[in-house]
Every structure is written in structure tokens, then in C-alpha cells.
Amino acid sequence: QRAEPDGRPRLAGGRRRPSPLARAVAGLCFLACAAAVAYGLYLIVPQFH
């Protein structure tokens, strides 16, 4: 199995690991979607008002 230029091993199938910035952006997108779902539930369920 070949390694990345900086010495890190590649993932299975030769895929490269995502950069820390890409992981941070993915995490922010996930949190934004979770917040949208929570807000939708807040709007639908009158008991939360």
C-alpha cells in the first residue's frame, strides 16, 4: 500500500484522506442541516411554542 507524500497511509481502495478544511466544512454543513431539521420540528409541533 502506497503512502501519501507526507507519509500518511492512503485509505482502502487508494482513496486520499480529506483535508482538515474539507472535514470542517462537512461538519458545518451537517450542523446546518441538523439545525434546519430541528427548526422544522419546532414549527410543526405546537407543544414547543
PDB file of N, CA and C in Angstrom:
ATOM      1  N   GLN A   1       0.851  -1.183   0.000  1.00  0.00           N
ATOM      2  CA  GLN A   1       0.000   0.000   0.000  1.00  0.00           C
ATOM      3  C   GLN A   1       0.892   1.241   0.000  1.00  0.00           C
ATOM      4  N   ARG A   2       0.618   2.129  -0.916  1.00  0.00           N
ATOM      5  CA  ARG A   2       1.437   3.341  -1.010  1.00  0.00           C
ATOM      6  C   ARG A   2       0.958   4.385  -0.013  1.00  0.00           C
ATOM      7  N   ALA A   3       1.867   5.271   0.333  1.00  0.00           N
ATOM      8  CA  ALA A   3       1.548   6.330   1.295  1.00  0.00           C
ATOM      9  C   ALA A   3       1.469   7.667   0.565  1.00  0.00           C
ATOM     10  N   GLU A   4       0.891   8.631   1.243  1.00  0.00           N
ATOM     11  CA  GLU A   4       0.836   9.995   0.732  1.00  0.00           C
ATOM     12  C   GLU A   4       2.240  10.596   0.764  1.00  0.00           C
ATOM     13  N   PRO A   5       2.469  11.705   0.064  1.00  0.00           N
ATOM     14  CA  PRO A   5       3.797  12.338   0.108  1.00  0.00           C
ATOM     15  C   PRO A   5       4.248  12.734   1.511  1.00  0.00           C
ATOM     16  N   ASP A   6       3.293  13.036   2.393  1.00  0.00           N
ATOM     17  CA  ASP A   6       3.673  13.417   3.760  1.00  0.00           C
ATOM     18  C   ASP A   6       3.794  12.208   4.689  1.00  0.00           C
ATOM     19  N   GLY A   7       3.702  10.993   4.150  1.00  0.00           N
ATOM     20  CA  GLY A   7       3.897   9.791   4.943  1.00  0.00           C
ATOM     21  C   GLY A   7       2.635   9.150   5.476  1.00  0.00           C
ATOM     22  N   ARG A   8       1.490   9.814   5.344  1.00  0.00           N
ATOM     23  CA  ARG A   8       0.240   9.233   5.834  1.00  0.00           C
ATOM     24  C   ARG A   8      -0.196   8.108   4.897  1.00  0.00           C
ATOM     25  N   PRO A   9      -0.753   7.022   5.441  1.00  0.00           N
ATOM     26  CA  PRO A   9      -1.220   5.941   4.561  1.00  0.00           C
ATOM     27  C   PRO A   9      -2.490   6.348   3.831  1.00  0.00           C
ATOM     28  N   ARG A  10      -2.674   5.769   2.646  1.00  0.00           N
ATOM     29  CA  ARG A  10      -3.914   6.004   1.906  1.00  0.00           C
ATOM     30  C   ARG A  10      -5.024   5.146   2.493  1.00  0.00           C
ATOM     31  N   LEU A  11      -6.256   5.543   2.240  1.00  0.00           N
ATOM     32  CA  LEU A  11      -7.399   4.756   2.671  1.00  0.00           C
ATOM     33  C   LEU A  11      -7.556   3.555   1.756  1.00  0.00           C
ATOM     34  N   ALA A  12      -8.446   2.642   2.100  1.00  0.00           N
ATOM     35  CA  ALA A  12      -8.681   1.451   1.285  1.00  0.00           C
ATOM     36  C   ALA A  12      -9.115   1.858  -0.119  1.00  0.00           C
ATOM     37  N   GLY A  13      -8.654   1.144  -1.109  1.00  0.00           N
ATOM     38  CA  GLY A  13      -9.013   1.446  -2.488  1.00  0.00           C
ATOM     39  C   GLY A  13      -8.194   2.572  -3.078  1.00  0.00           C
ATOM     40  N   GLY A  14      -7.163   3.039  -2.384  1.00  0.00           N
ATOM     41  CA  GLY A  14      -6.311   4.090  -2.919  1.00  0.00           C
ATOM     42  C   GLY A  14      -6.882   5.487  -2.784  1.00  0.00           C
ATOM     43  N   ARG A  15      -7.973   5.629  -2.035  1.00  0.00           N
ATOM     44  CA  ARG A  15      -8.559   6.965  -1.871  1.00  0.00           C
ATOM     45  C   ARG A  15      -7.698   7.804  -0.946  1.00  0.00           C
ATOM     46  N   ARG A  16      -7.765   9.102  -1.129  1.00  0.00           N
ATOM     47  CA  ARG A  16      -6.988  10.019  -0.291  1.00  0.00           C
ATOM     48  C   ARG A  16      -7.844  10.499   0.866  1.00  0.00           C
ATOM     49  N   ARG A  17      -7.198  10.796   1.973  1.00  0.00           N
ATOM     50  CA  ARG A  17      -7.912  11.334   3.136  1.00  0.00           C
ATOM     51  C   ARG A  17      -8.318  12.777   2.847  1.00  0.00           C
ATOM     52  N   PRO A  18      -9.523  13.180   3.294  1.00  0.00           N
ATOM     53  CA  PRO A  18      -9.919  14.581   3.107  1.00  0.00           C
ATOM     54  C   PRO A  18      -9.071  15.509   3.974  1.00  0.00           C
ATOM     55  N   SER A  19      -8.860  16.704   3.489  1.00  0.00           N
ATOM     56  CA  SER A  19      -8.056  17.672   4.235  1.00  0.00           C
ATOM     57  C   SER A  19      -8.823  18.133   5.479  1.00  0.00           C
ATOM     58  N   PRO A  20      -8.135  18.699   6.455  1.00  0.00           N
ATOM     59  CA  PRO A  20      -8.826  19.212   7.647  1.00  0.00           C
ATOM     60  C   PRO A  20      -9.865  20.282   7.304  1.00  0.00           C
ATOM     61  N   LEU A  21      -9.578  21.106   6.299  1.00  0.00           N
ATOM     62  CA  LEU A  21     -10.552  22.124   5.898  1.00  0.00           C
ATOM     63  C   LEU A  21     -11.809  21.471   5.338  1.00  0.00           C
ATOM     64  N   ALA A  22     -11.641  20.437   4.514  1.00  0.00           N
ATOM     65  CA  ALA A  22     -12.802  19.744   3.951  1.00  0.00           C
ATOM     66  C   ALA A  22     -13.624  19.090   5.057  1.00  0.00           C
ATOM     67  N   ARG A  23     -12.960  18.537   6.047  1.00  0.00           N
ATOM     68  CA  ARG A  23     -13.688  17.936   7.171  1.00  0.00           C
ATOM     69  C   ARG A  23     -14.452  18.992   7.955  1.00  0.00           C
ATOM     70  N   ALA A  24     -13.853  20.157   8.161  1.00  0.00           N
ATOM     71  CA  ALA A  24     -14.523  21.231   8.900  1.00  0.00           C
ATOM     72  C   ALA A  24     -15.750  21.724   8.142  1.00  0.00           C
ATOM     73  N   VAL A  25     -15.623  21.892   6.832  1.00  0.00           N
ATOM     74  CA  VAL A  25     -16.754  22.344   6.017  1.00  0.00           C
ATOM     75  C   VAL A  25     -17.863  21.300   6.038  1.00  0.00           C
ATOM     76  N   ALA A  26     -17.503  20.021   5.951  1.00  0.00           N
ATOM     77  CA  ALA A  26     -18.507  18.958   6.005  1.00  0.00           C
ATOM     78  C   ALA A  26     -19.222  18.962   7.350  1.00  0.00           C
ATOM     79  N   GLY A  27     -18.482  19.180   8.424  1.00  0.00           N
ATOM     80  CA  GLY A  27     -19.096  19.244   9.744  1.00  0.00           C
ATOM     81  C   GLY A  27     -20.050  20.416   9.879  1.00  0.00           C
ATOM     82  N   LEU A  28     -19.674  21.561   9.328  1.00  0.00           N
ATOM     83  CA  LEU A  28     -20.562  22.730   9.370  1.00  0.00           C
ATOM     84  C   LEU A  28     -21.827  22.491   8.553  1.00  0.00           C
ATOM     85  N   CYS A  29     -21.699  21.849   7.402  1.00  0.00           N
ATOM     86  CA  CYS A  29     -22.883  21.522   6.593  1.00  0.00           C
ATOM     87  C   CYS A  29     -23.803  20.570   7.349  1.00  0.00           C
ATOM     88  N   PHE A  30     -23.220  19.578   8.011  1.00  0.00           N
ATOM     89  CA  PHE A  30     -24.015  18.637   8.796  1.00  0.00           C
ATOM     90  C   PHE A  30     -24.761  19.365   9.908  1.00  0.00           C
ATOM     91  N   LEU A  31     -24.087  20.263  10.619  1.00  0.00           N
ATOM     92  CA  LEU A  31     -24.739  21.009  11.695  1.00  0.00           C
ATOM     93  C   LEU A  31     -25.831  21.928  11.163  1.00  0.00           C
ATOM     94  N   ALA A  32     -25.609  22.537   9.994  1.00  0.00           N
ATOM     95  CA  ALA A  32     -26.631  23.403   9.401  1.00  0.00           C
ATOM     96  C   ALA A  32     -27.874  22.595   9.045  1.00  0.00           C
ATOM     97  N   CYS A  33     -27.685  21.401   8.497  1.00  0.00           N
ATOM     98  CA  CYS A  33     -28.835  20.552   8.166  1.00  0.00           C
ATOM     99  C   CYS A  33     -29.564  20.097   9.426  1.00  0.00           C
ATOM    100  N   ALA A  34     -28.815  19.742  10.458  1.00  0.00           N
ATOM    101  CA  ALA A  34     -29.438  19.328  11.714  1.00  0.00           C
ATOM    102  C   ALA A  34     -30.225  20.482  12.329  1.00  0.00           C
ATOM    103  N   ALA A  35     -29.698  21.698  12.238  1.00  0.00           N
ATOM    104  CA  ALA A  35     -30.411  22.862  12.763  1.00  0.00           C
ATOM    105  C   ALA A  35     -31.686  23.121  11.966  1.00  0.00           C
ATOM    106  N   ALA A  36     -31.637  22.934  10.646  1.00  0.00           N
ATOM    107  CA  ALA A  36     -32.831  23.126   9.820  1.00  0.00           C
ATOM    108  C   ALA A  36     -33.901  22.099  10.178  1.00  0.00           C
ATOM    109  N   VAL A  37     -33.509  20.860  10.419  1.00  0.00           N
ATOM    110  CA  VAL A  37     -34.469  19.827  10.814  1.00  0.00           C
ATOM    111  C   VAL A  37     -35.062  20.154  12.180  1.00  0.00           C
ATOM    112  N   ALA A  38     -34.232  20.574  13.120  1.00  0.00           N
ATOM    113  CA  ALA A  38     -34.731  20.918  14.451  1.00  0.00           C
ATOM    114  C   ALA A  38     -35.694  22.101  14.385  1.00  0.00           C
ATOM    115  N   TYR A  39     -35.388  23.091  13.561  1.00  0.00           N
ATOM    116  CA  TYR A  39     -36.280  24.242  13.422  1.00  0.00           C
ATOM    117  C   TYR A  39     -37.597  23.826  12.772  1.00  0.00           C
ATOM    118  N   GLY A  40     -37.530  22.929  11.796  1.00  0.00           N
ATOM    119  CA  GLY A  40     -38.755  22.419  11.175  1.00  0.00           C
ATOM    120  C   GLY A  40     -39.627  21.690  12.179  1.00  0.00           C
ATOM    121  N   LEU A  41     -39.023  20.892  13.035  1.00  0.00           N
ATOM    122  CA  LEU A  41     -39.799  20.218  14.078  1.00  0.00           C
ATOM    123  C   LEU A  41     -40.397  21.225  15.047  1.00  0.00           C
ATOM    124  N   TYR A  42     -39.643  22.267  15.363  1.00  0.00           N
ATOM    125  CA  TYR A  42     -40.153  23.323  16.241  1.00  0.00           C
ATOM    126  C   TYR A  42     -41.395  23.976  15.627  1.00  0.00           C
ATOM    127  N   LEU A  43     -41.360  24.203  14.315  1.00  0.00           N
ATOM    128  CA  LEU A  43     -42.501  24.841  13.660  1.00  0.00           C
ATOM    129  C   LEU A  43     -43.701  23.909  13.559  1.00  0.00           C
ATOM    130  N   ILE A  44     -43.459  22.610  13.426  1.00  0.00           N
ATOM    131  CA  ILE A  44     -44.553  21.658  13.237  1.00  0.00           C
ATOM    132  C   ILE A  44     -45.249  21.320  14.554  1.00  0.00           C
ATOM    133  N   VAL A  45     -44.494  21.162  15.633  1.00  0.00           N
ATOM    134  CA  VAL A  45     -45.063  20.690  16.902  1.00  0.00           C
ATOM    135  C   VAL A  45     -45.458  21.892  17.748  1.00  0.00           C
ATOM    136  N   PRO A  46     -46.772  22.107  17.945  1.00  0.00           N
ATOM    137  CA  PRO A  46     -47.217  23.286  18.698  1.00  0.00           C
ATOM    138  C   PRO A  46     -46.812  23.256  20.177  1.00  0.00           C
ATOM    139  N   GLN A  47     -46.550  22.086  20.720  1.00  0.00           N
ATOM    140  CA  GLN A  47     -46.186  21.983  22.129  1.00  0.00           C
ATOM    141  C   GLN A  47     -44.869  22.706  22.421  1.00  0.00           C
ATOM    142  N   PHE A  48     -44.017  22.871  21.423  1.00  0.00           N
ATOM    143  CA  PHE A  48     -42.732  23.536  21.613  1.00  0.00           C
ATOM    144  C   PHE A  48     -42.855  25.057  21.663  1.00  0.00           C
ATOM    145  N   HIS A  49     -43.996  25.605  21.319  1.00  0.00           N
ATOM    146  CA  HIS A  49     -44.144  27.071  21.263  1.00  0.00           C
ATOM    147  C   HIS A  49     -44.486  27.635  22.615  1.00  0.00           C
TER     148      HIS A  49
END
